[in-house]
């Protein structure tokens, strides 16, 4: 269908050219007889032009850009010479003038063909660079770029589009590699962290089942330890499930809202018993932002931060929850008087299962801070950690208004 449209376009262009010839004849004072005489040459030439272009289209469909540009120059020269011959035969142009014009047309044809060859060479080189870059990208070399072609706006735009596509593919591949590396690390860490409570449970169940432990006091102690192991497993499974939800884009549009005061009260009440057992002081300061509303998921973030702070603060220490309004939103911070975090570990505290500092490792699964970071970022906020060894830690969450 495109070939027929191209042929129709050629026919329309040739017909307009013929019409223009007749209009020029009328404007120069040609009579009806001369116009009819001219038509006997022009109309057959129109038909020949359309047929020739149809043949040329089929022949040049597999031709290179250089061949096509040269063909256009040659065709233009042939048409000009044919028109000149027609004018000389109809006595509108003398033979002497026709000879001079023929020489000029031939010179123009040579210049046109030369210009066509030069343009075809630059365009062909640009197309070759595009094809080479596309092959490299297809072979997986996503760092390949075309760069500036200086071959016209169309080819330059195509080069920019190809480079932009390559950059996006490279970024997507890098994200996929990081995601795959994180997934492998996550599976390894999960396997390691699950092994401890499961082994403990298995040992205690076998001891009870084999009758090794049968006195009430030991049974009560074993049941308490089994309950603790099950609680750690449940906590880990819940964290993993929520991490998977966040990674899958589950938090995209948050519709429900809760008062900040209620969120803080709920999170603090969840750790009050553990803090009381360790003799820790829990202090809450909401600097005029009690009525601020935010996502209910912030309660999970604050609870994870508080659990982490209570767990790693020695007896008779303190844990503070402070909230204040900033120009860019609301800041909610949890500060403790614990052992602190070493500088080399501070940048990785939000990595899943990262517990390089023995002082910060313990019964937790190592997912609390990672989960908090994922939730905060999904809500459009930021979270940062500030700490120094033996000086405590401070985790600050900033959410947009």
Protein backbone atom coordinates (compact mmCIF):
# COMPACT_ATOMS: atom_id res chain seq x y z
CA UNK A 1 0.00 0.00 0.00
CA UNK A 2 2.86 2.39 0.73
CA UNK A 3 4.29 1.79 -2.77
CA UNK A 4 0.99 2.78 -4.39
CA UNK A 5 0.81 5.90 -2.25
CA UNK A 6 4.36 6.86 -3.22
CA UNK A 7 3.50 6.33 -6.91
CA UNK A 8 0.34 8.43 -6.54
CA UNK A 9 2.40 11.18 -4.92
CA UNK A 10 4.83 11.11 -7.86
CA UNK A 11 1.93 11.31 -10.30
CA UNK A 12 0.41 14.30 -8.49
CA UNK A 13 3.77 16.08 -8.41
CA UNK A 14 4.34 15.44 -12.13
CA UNK A 15 0.81 16.63 -12.95
CA UNK A 16 1.37 19.83 -10.99
CA UNK A 17 4.61 20.33 -12.88
CA UNK A 18 2.81 19.89 -16.21
CA UNK A 19 0.10 22.31 -15.13
CA UNK A 20 2.76 24.81 -14.17
CA UNK A 21 4.30 24.46 -17.66
CA UNK A 22 0.98 25.27 -19.32
CA UNK A 23 0.41 28.25 -17.00
CA UNK A 24 3.84 29.63 -17.88
CA UNK A 25 2.99 29.23 -21.56
CA UNK A 26 -0.24 31.12 -21.13
CA UNK A 27 1.49 33.83 -19.13
CA UNK A 28 4.11 34.30 -21.88
CA UNK A 29 1.45 34.80 -24.54
CA UNK A 30 1.29 31.37 -26.17
CA UNK A 31 -1.81 30.78 -28.25
CA UNK A 32 -4.17 27.86 -28.00
CA UNK A 33 -2.46 26.15 -30.95
CA UNK A 34 0.94 26.41 -29.29
CA UNK A 35 -0.51 25.13 -26.03
CA UNK A 36 -2.02 22.13 -27.83
CA UNK A 37 1.32 21.53 -29.56
CA UNK A 38 3.11 21.68 -26.22
CA UNK A 39 0.59 19.28 -24.70
CA UNK A 40 1.49 16.63 -27.31
CA UNK A 41 4.95 16.52 -25.70
CA UNK A 42 4.16 17.23 -22.09
CA UNK A 43 1.34 14.74 -21.54
CA UNK A 44 3.27 11.73 -22.92
CA UNK A 45 6.23 12.88 -20.83
CA UNK A 46 3.96 12.91 -17.78
CA UNK A 47 2.96 9.31 -18.42
CA UNK A 48 6.56 8.28 -19.06
CA UNK A 49 7.66 10.01 -15.85
CA UNK A 50 5.13 8.12 -13.72
CA UNK A 51 6.03 4.80 -15.34
CA UNK A 52 9.73 5.50 -15.00
CA UNK A 53 9.36 6.38 -11.33
CA UNK A 54 7.37 3.19 -10.72
CA UNK A 55 10.17 1.18 -12.30
CA UNK A 56 12.81 3.18 -10.44
CA UNK A 57 11.00 2.62 -7.17
CA UNK A 58 11.08 -1.13 -7.67
CA UNK A 59 14.71 -1.11 -8.82
CA UNK A 60 15.96 1.22 -6.06
CA UNK A 61 14.00 -0.43 -3.25
CA UNK A 62 17.10 -2.45 -2.36
CA UNK A 63 19.60 0.23 -3.29
CA UNK A 64 21.84 2.00 -0.80
CA UNK A 65 21.49 5.64 0.18
CA UNK A 66 24.39 6.59 -2.07
CA UNK A 67 22.76 4.92 -5.06
CA UNK A 68 19.43 6.55 -4.34
CA UNK A 69 20.92 10.05 -4.01
CA UNK A 70 22.89 9.63 -7.26
CA UNK A 71 19.76 8.29 -8.99
CA UNK A 72 17.82 11.41 -7.94
CA UNK A 73 20.53 13.66 -9.38
CA UNK A 74 20.70 11.71 -12.64
CA UNK A 75 16.92 11.63 -13.02
CA UNK A 76 16.70 15.38 -12.48
CA UNK A 77 19.36 15.97 -15.16
CA UNK A 78 17.64 13.64 -17.64
CA UNK A 79 14.30 15.35 -17.11
CA UNK A 80 15.89 18.77 -17.62
CA UNK A 81 17.58 17.65 -20.85
CA UNK A 82 14.36 16.04 -22.08
CA UNK A 83 12.43 19.24 -21.45
CA UNK A 84 15.11 21.22 -23.27
CA UNK A 85 14.91 18.88 -26.25
CA UNK A 86 11.12 19.24 -26.33
CA UNK A 87 11.41 23.03 -26.28
CA UNK A 88 13.94 23.01 -29.10
CA UNK A 89 11.78 20.65 -31.18
CA UNK A 90 8.76 22.87 -30.76
CA UNK A 91 10.82 25.84 -31.92
CA UNK A 92 10.34 27.66 -28.62
CA UNK A 93 14.12 27.60 -28.14
CA UNK A 94 16.65 27.93 -30.93
CA UNK A 95 19.17 25.16 -31.49
CA UNK A 96 22.04 27.47 -30.54
CA UNK A 97 20.34 28.44 -27.28
CA UNK A 98 19.39 24.82 -26.67
CA UNK A 99 23.04 23.79 -27.06
CA UNK A 100 24.17 26.39 -24.54
CA UNK A 101 21.41 25.46 -22.12
CA UNK A 102 22.25 21.77 -22.61
CA UNK A 103 25.84 22.40 -21.62
CA UNK A 104 24.69 24.28 -18.54
CA UNK A 105 22.25 21.49 -17.67
CA UNK A 106 25.02 18.90 -17.99
CA UNK A 107 27.27 20.98 -15.75
CA UNK A 108 24.43 21.35 -13.25
CA UNK A 109 23.80 17.61 -13.44
CA UNK A 110 27.45 16.90 -12.64
CA UNK A 111 27.38 19.30 -9.71
CA UNK A 112 24.12 17.80 -8.49
CA UNK A 113 25.42 14.24 -8.72
CA UNK A 114 28.61 15.29 -6.90
CA UNK A 115 26.59 16.92 -4.14
CA UNK A 116 24.38 13.83 -3.95
CA UNK A 117 27.45 11.61 -3.55
CA UNK A 118 28.82 13.82 -0.75
CA UNK A 119 25.50 13.88 1.09
CA UNK A 120 25.01 10.18 0.54
CA UNK A 121 28.46 9.47 1.98
CA UNK A 122 27.81 11.42 5.19
CA UNK A 123 24.31 10.01 5.57
CA UNK A 124 25.52 6.50 4.79
CA UNK A 125 28.29 6.79 7.38
CA UNK A 126 25.75 7.99 9.94
CA UNK A 127 23.44 5.08 9.17
CA UNK A 128 26.40 2.68 9.45
CA UNK A 129 27.22 4.07 12.90
CA UNK A 130 23.59 3.66 13.94
CA UNK A 131 23.51 0.08 12.68
CA UNK A 132 26.81 -0.76 14.41
CA UNK A 133 25.57 0.71 17.69
CA UNK A 134 22.30 -1.22 17.39
CA UNK A 135 24.23 -4.48 16.82
CA UNK A 136 26.42 -3.81 19.86
CA UNK A 137 23.34 -3.11 21.98
CA UNK A 138 21.76 -6.29 20.70
CA UNK A 139 24.89 -8.19 21.75
CA UNK A 140 24.48 -6.88 25.29
CA UNK A 141 27.06 -4.07 25.24
CA UNK A 142 24.72 -1.51 26.77
CA UNK A 143 27.49 1.03 27.36
CA UNK A 144 27.65 1.62 23.59
CA UNK A 145 26.64 5.12 22.48
CA UNK A 146 26.25 6.68 19.04
CA UNK A 147 27.08 10.25 19.99
CA UNK A 148 26.67 13.24 17.66
CA UNK A 149 26.35 12.35 13.98
CA UNK A 150 26.15 15.82 12.36
CA UNK A 151 24.10 14.19 9.60
CA UNK A 152 20.92 16.22 9.76
CA UNK A 153 18.25 16.70 12.42
CA UNK A 154 16.41 13.47 11.64
CA UNK A 155 19.41 11.16 11.99
CA UNK A 156 20.70 13.14 14.96
CA UNK A 157 17.31 12.74 16.64
CA UNK A 158 17.42 9.01 15.91
CA UNK A 159 20.91 8.80 17.45
CA UNK A 160 19.77 10.64 20.58
CA UNK A 161 16.76 8.34 20.86
CA UNK A 162 18.98 5.27 20.53
CA UNK A 163 21.43 6.58 23.13
CA UNK A 164 18.59 7.42 25.51
CA UNK A 165 17.14 3.94 25.06
CA UNK A 166 20.57 2.40 25.71
CA UNK A 167 20.98 4.47 28.87
CA UNK A 168 17.56 3.38 30.16
CA UNK A 169 18.31 -0.26 29.35
CA UNK A 170 21.67 -0.02 31.09
CA UNK A 171 20.07 1.53 34.17
CA UNK A 172 17.35 -1.14 34.18
CA UNK A 173 19.96 -3.88 33.85
CA UNK A 174 21.97 -2.39 36.71
CA UNK A 175 18.83 -2.23 38.88
CA UNK A 176 18.08 -5.83 38.02
CA UNK A 177 21.60 -6.89 38.94
CA UNK A 178 21.40 -5.06 42.26
CA UNK A 179 17.97 -6.55 42.90
CA UNK A 180 19.25 -10.03 42.10
CA UNK A 181 22.26 -9.56 44.38
CA UNK A 182 19.97 -8.32 47.15
CA UNK A 183 17.66 -11.27 46.58
CA UNK A 184 20.51 -13.75 46.88
CA UNK A 185 21.79 -12.05 50.03
CA UNK A 186 18.27 -12.01 51.42
CA UNK A 187 17.75 -15.73 50.80
CA UNK A 188 21.12 -16.52 52.38
CA UNK A 189 20.40 -14.36 55.40
CA UNK A 190 16.88 -15.73 55.82
CA UNK A 191 18.18 -19.29 55.68
CA UNK A 192 20.79 -18.47 58.31
CA UNK A 193 18.42 -16.61 60.63
CA UNK A 194 15.69 -19.23 60.36
CA UNK A 195 18.08 -22.03 61.20
CA UNK A 196 18.72 -20.85 64.79
CA UNK A 197 15.13 -20.75 66.14
CA UNK A 198 14.15 -23.84 64.13
CA UNK A 199 17.10 -25.81 65.47
CA UNK A 200 16.25 -24.69 68.99
CA UNK A 201 12.62 -25.70 68.56
CA UNK A 202 13.58 -29.07 67.12
CA UNK A 203 15.99 -29.81 69.94
CA UNK A 204 13.47 -28.92 72.64
CA UNK A 205 10.61 -30.82 70.97
CA UNK A 206 12.79 -33.92 70.60
CA UNK A 207 13.91 -33.64 74.22
CA UNK A 208 10.29 -33.50 75.39
CA UNK A 209 9.16 -36.23 72.97
CA UNK A 210 11.98 -38.59 73.98
CA UNK A 211 11.21 -38.08 77.68
CA UNK A 212 14.58 -36.52 78.43
CA UNK A 213 12.76 -33.61 80.02
CA UNK A 214 9.65 -34.48 82.00
CA UNK A 215 9.70 -32.49 85.22
CA UNK A 216 7.22 -29.57 85.38
CA UNK A 217 9.85 -26.90 86.01
CA UNK A 218 11.95 -27.88 82.98
CA UNK A 219 8.84 -28.23 80.82
CA UNK A 220 7.73 -24.71 81.76
CA UNK A 221 11.21 -23.39 80.90
CA UNK A 222 11.22 -25.26 77.58
CA UNK A 223 7.73 -23.96 76.74
CA UNK A 224 8.86 -20.39 77.43
CA UNK A 225 11.90 -20.80 75.20
CA UNK A 226 9.78 -22.40 72.48
CA UNK A 227 7.33 -19.50 72.69
CA UNK A 228 10.24 -17.07 72.25
CA UNK A 229 11.54 -18.98 69.22
CA UNK A 230 8.08 -19.02 67.67
CA UNK A 231 7.73 -15.29 68.32
CA UNK A 232 11.01 -14.61 66.52
CA UNK A 233 9.88 -16.73 63.59
CA UNK A 234 6.54 -14.91 63.41
CA UNK A 235 8.28 -11.54 63.60
CA UNK A 236 10.66 -12.52 60.80
CA UNK A 237 7.87 -13.86 58.57
CA UNK A 238 5.79 -10.71 59.14
CA UNK A 239 8.75 -8.48 58.26
CA UNK A 240 9.55 -10.51 55.15
CA UNK A 241 5.92 -10.40 54.03
CA UNK A 242 5.73 -6.64 54.46
CA UNK A 243 9.08 -6.18 52.69
CA UNK A 244 7.74 -8.20 49.75
CA UNK A 245 4.59 -6.07 49.65
CA UNK A 246 6.59 -2.85 49.58
CA UNK A 247 8.96 -4.17 46.90
CA UNK A 248 5.94 -5.12 44.79
CA UNK A 249 4.68 -1.54 44.95
CA UNK A 250 1.87 -2.17 47.40
CA UNK A 251 2.26 1.30 48.92
CA UNK A 252 1.54 3.52 45.94
CA UNK A 253 -1.51 5.49 46.98
CA UNK A 254 -2.00 5.90 50.70
CA UNK A 255 -5.58 6.90 51.48
CA UNK A 256 -6.06 6.24 55.21
CA UNK A 257 -4.66 8.72 57.73
CA UNK A 258 -4.06 8.68 61.48
CA UNK A 259 -3.16 11.29 64.07
CA UNK A 260 0.53 11.39 64.95
CA UNK A 261 -0.33 11.36 68.65
CA UNK A 262 -2.18 8.05 68.27
CA UNK A 263 0.66 6.52 66.27
CA UNK A 264 3.26 7.47 68.87
CA UNK A 265 1.08 6.22 71.74
CA UNK A 266 0.54 2.87 70.01
CA UNK A 267 4.23 2.36 69.24
CA UNK A 268 5.38 3.35 72.72
CA UNK A 269 2.86 1.05 74.42
CA UNK A 270 4.26 -1.87 72.40
CA UNK A 271 7.69 -1.51 74.05
CA UNK A 272 6.72 -0.27 77.52
CA UNK A 273 6.96 -3.71 79.11
CA UNK A 274 10.45 -4.41 77.74
CA UNK A 275 11.61 -0.93 78.74
CA UNK A 276 10.23 -1.37 82.25
CA UNK A 277 11.95 -4.74 82.64
CA UNK A 278 15.31 -3.12 81.75
CA UNK A 279 14.67 -0.06 83.85
CA UNK A 280 14.70 2.29 80.84
CA UNK A 281 13.09 5.71 80.83
CA UNK A 282 10.70 6.35 77.92
CA UNK A 283 10.25 10.05 77.14
CA UNK A 284 7.85 11.42 74.52
CA UNK A 285 7.86 15.03 73.32
CA UNK A 286 5.45 16.14 70.61
CA UNK A 287 6.27 19.76 69.94
CA UNK A 288 2.87 20.97 68.82
CA UNK A 289 2.38 18.35 66.11
CA UNK A 290 0.04 16.04 68.02
CA UNK A 291 -2.77 16.69 65.57
CA UNK A 292 -0.69 16.14 62.43
CA UNK A 293 -1.99 13.30 60.27
CA UNK A 294 0.12 10.71 58.48
CA UNK A 295 -0.01 7.15 57.19
CA UNK A 296 -0.89 4.45 59.75
CA UNK A 297 2.13 2.53 58.44
CA UNK A 298 4.29 5.02 60.32
CA UNK A 299 3.34 3.13 63.48
CA UNK A 300 5.27 0.10 62.21
CA UNK A 301 8.27 2.31 61.45
CA UNK A 302 8.24 3.91 64.89
CA UNK A 303 7.70 0.57 66.62
CA UNK A 304 10.69 -0.96 64.81
CA UNK A 305 12.87 2.00 65.78
CA UNK A 306 11.74 1.78 69.40
CA UNK A 307 12.26 -1.99 69.59
CA UNK A 308 15.75 -1.51 68.19
CA UNK A 309 16.49 1.30 70.67
CA UNK A 310 15.18 -0.60 73.71
CA UNK A 311 17.03 -3.76 72.70
CA UNK A 312 20.40 -2.02 72.44
CA UNK A 313 20.18 0.40 75.36
CA UNK A 314 21.71 -0.84 78.60
CA UNK A 315 19.79 -0.87 81.88
CA UNK A 316 18.92 2.48 83.47
CA UNK A 317 19.31 4.24 80.10
CA UNK A 318 16.72 6.30 78.29
CA UNK A 319 14.86 6.30 74.98
CA UNK A 320 13.31 9.49 73.63
CA UNK A 321 10.64 10.04 70.98
CA UNK A 322 10.67 13.61 69.66
CA UNK A 323 8.46 15.18 66.99
CA UNK A 324 8.63 18.63 65.48
CA UNK A 325 7.44 20.50 62.43
CA UNK A 326 10.00 21.42 59.75
CA UNK A 327 9.63 23.60 56.64
CA UNK A 328 9.64 20.45 54.52
CA UNK A 329 7.31 18.36 56.65
CA UNK A 330 7.24 16.64 60.04
CA UNK A 331 10.27 15.04 61.71
CA UNK A 332 9.86 12.11 64.08
CA UNK A 333 13.02 10.96 65.84
CA UNK A 334 13.96 8.13 68.21
CA UNK A 335 17.11 8.65 70.28
CA UNK A 336 18.70 6.29 72.80
CA UNK A 337 21.65 6.24 75.20
CA UNK A 338 22.89 2.87 74.00
CA UNK A 339 26.26 1.61 72.80
CA UNK A 340 26.04 3.49 69.53
CA UNK A 341 27.06 2.36 66.06
CA UNK A 342 30.55 2.34 64.59
CA UNK A 343 31.08 4.78 61.66
CA UNK A 344 31.92 1.97 59.25
CA UNK A 345 28.60 0.27 60.04
CA UNK A 346 26.41 3.36 60.11
CA UNK A 347 25.96 3.52 56.33
CA UNK A 348 24.73 -0.09 56.18
CA UNK A 349 22.38 -0.25 59.15
CA UNK A 350 19.39 -0.11 56.79
CA UNK A 351 20.55 -3.14 54.75
CA UNK A 352 18.47 -6.28 55.34
CA UNK A 353 20.07 -8.63 57.88
CA UNK A 354 23.12 -6.40 58.28
CA UNK A 355 24.34 -6.74 61.86
CA UNK A 356 28.10 -6.42 61.53
CA UNK A 357 28.57 -4.76 64.92
CA UNK A 358 28.27 -7.45 67.61
CA UNK A 359 27.02 -4.84 70.05
CA UNK A 360 23.96 -4.25 67.84
CA UNK A 361 23.23 -7.90 67.06
CA UNK A 362 20.87 -9.95 69.13
CA UNK A 363 17.52 -11.66 69.04
CA UNK A 364 16.17 -9.60 66.18
CA UNK A 365 16.05 -10.82 62.59
CA UNK A 366 17.91 -7.81 61.23
CA UNK A 367 14.95 -6.62 59.18
CA UNK A 368 13.51 -3.87 61.38
CA UNK A 369 15.56 -0.95 60.08
CA UNK A 370 15.42 -2.20 56.49
CA UNK A 371 11.64 -2.43 56.69
CA UNK A 372 11.42 1.03 58.27
CA UNK A 373 13.48 2.53 55.45
CA UNK A 374 11.36 0.87 52.75
CA UNK A 375 8.11 2.10 54.31
CA UNK A 376 9.37 5.66 54.77
CA UNK A 377 10.65 5.88 51.20
CA UNK A 378 7.40 4.41 49.87
CA UNK A 379 5.57 7.21 51.72
CA UNK A 380 7.79 9.81 50.04
CA UNK A 381 9.90 10.56 53.11
CA UNK A 382 13.50 10.10 54.24
CA UNK A 383 15.16 8.36 57.17
CA UNK A 384 18.67 8.89 58.47
CA UNK A 385 20.82 7.56 61.28
CA UNK A 386 23.21 9.50 63.51
CA UNK A 387 25.39 7.71 65.99
CA UNK A 388 28.77 7.42 67.64
CA UNK A 389 30.21 4.60 69.76
CA UNK A 390 29.28 4.88 73.45
CA UNK A 391 27.17 7.99 72.76
CA UNK A 392 23.89 6.48 71.66
CA UNK A 393 22.02 6.65 68.38
CA UNK A 394 19.37 8.84 66.81
CA UNK A 395 17.09 7.79 63.93
CA UNK A 396 15.11 10.61 62.32
CA UNK A 397 12.19 10.22 59.92
CA UNK A 398 11.02 13.20 57.84
CA UNK A 399 7.70 12.91 56.05
CA UNK A 400 6.20 15.44 53.63
CA UNK A 401 3.24 17.47 54.92
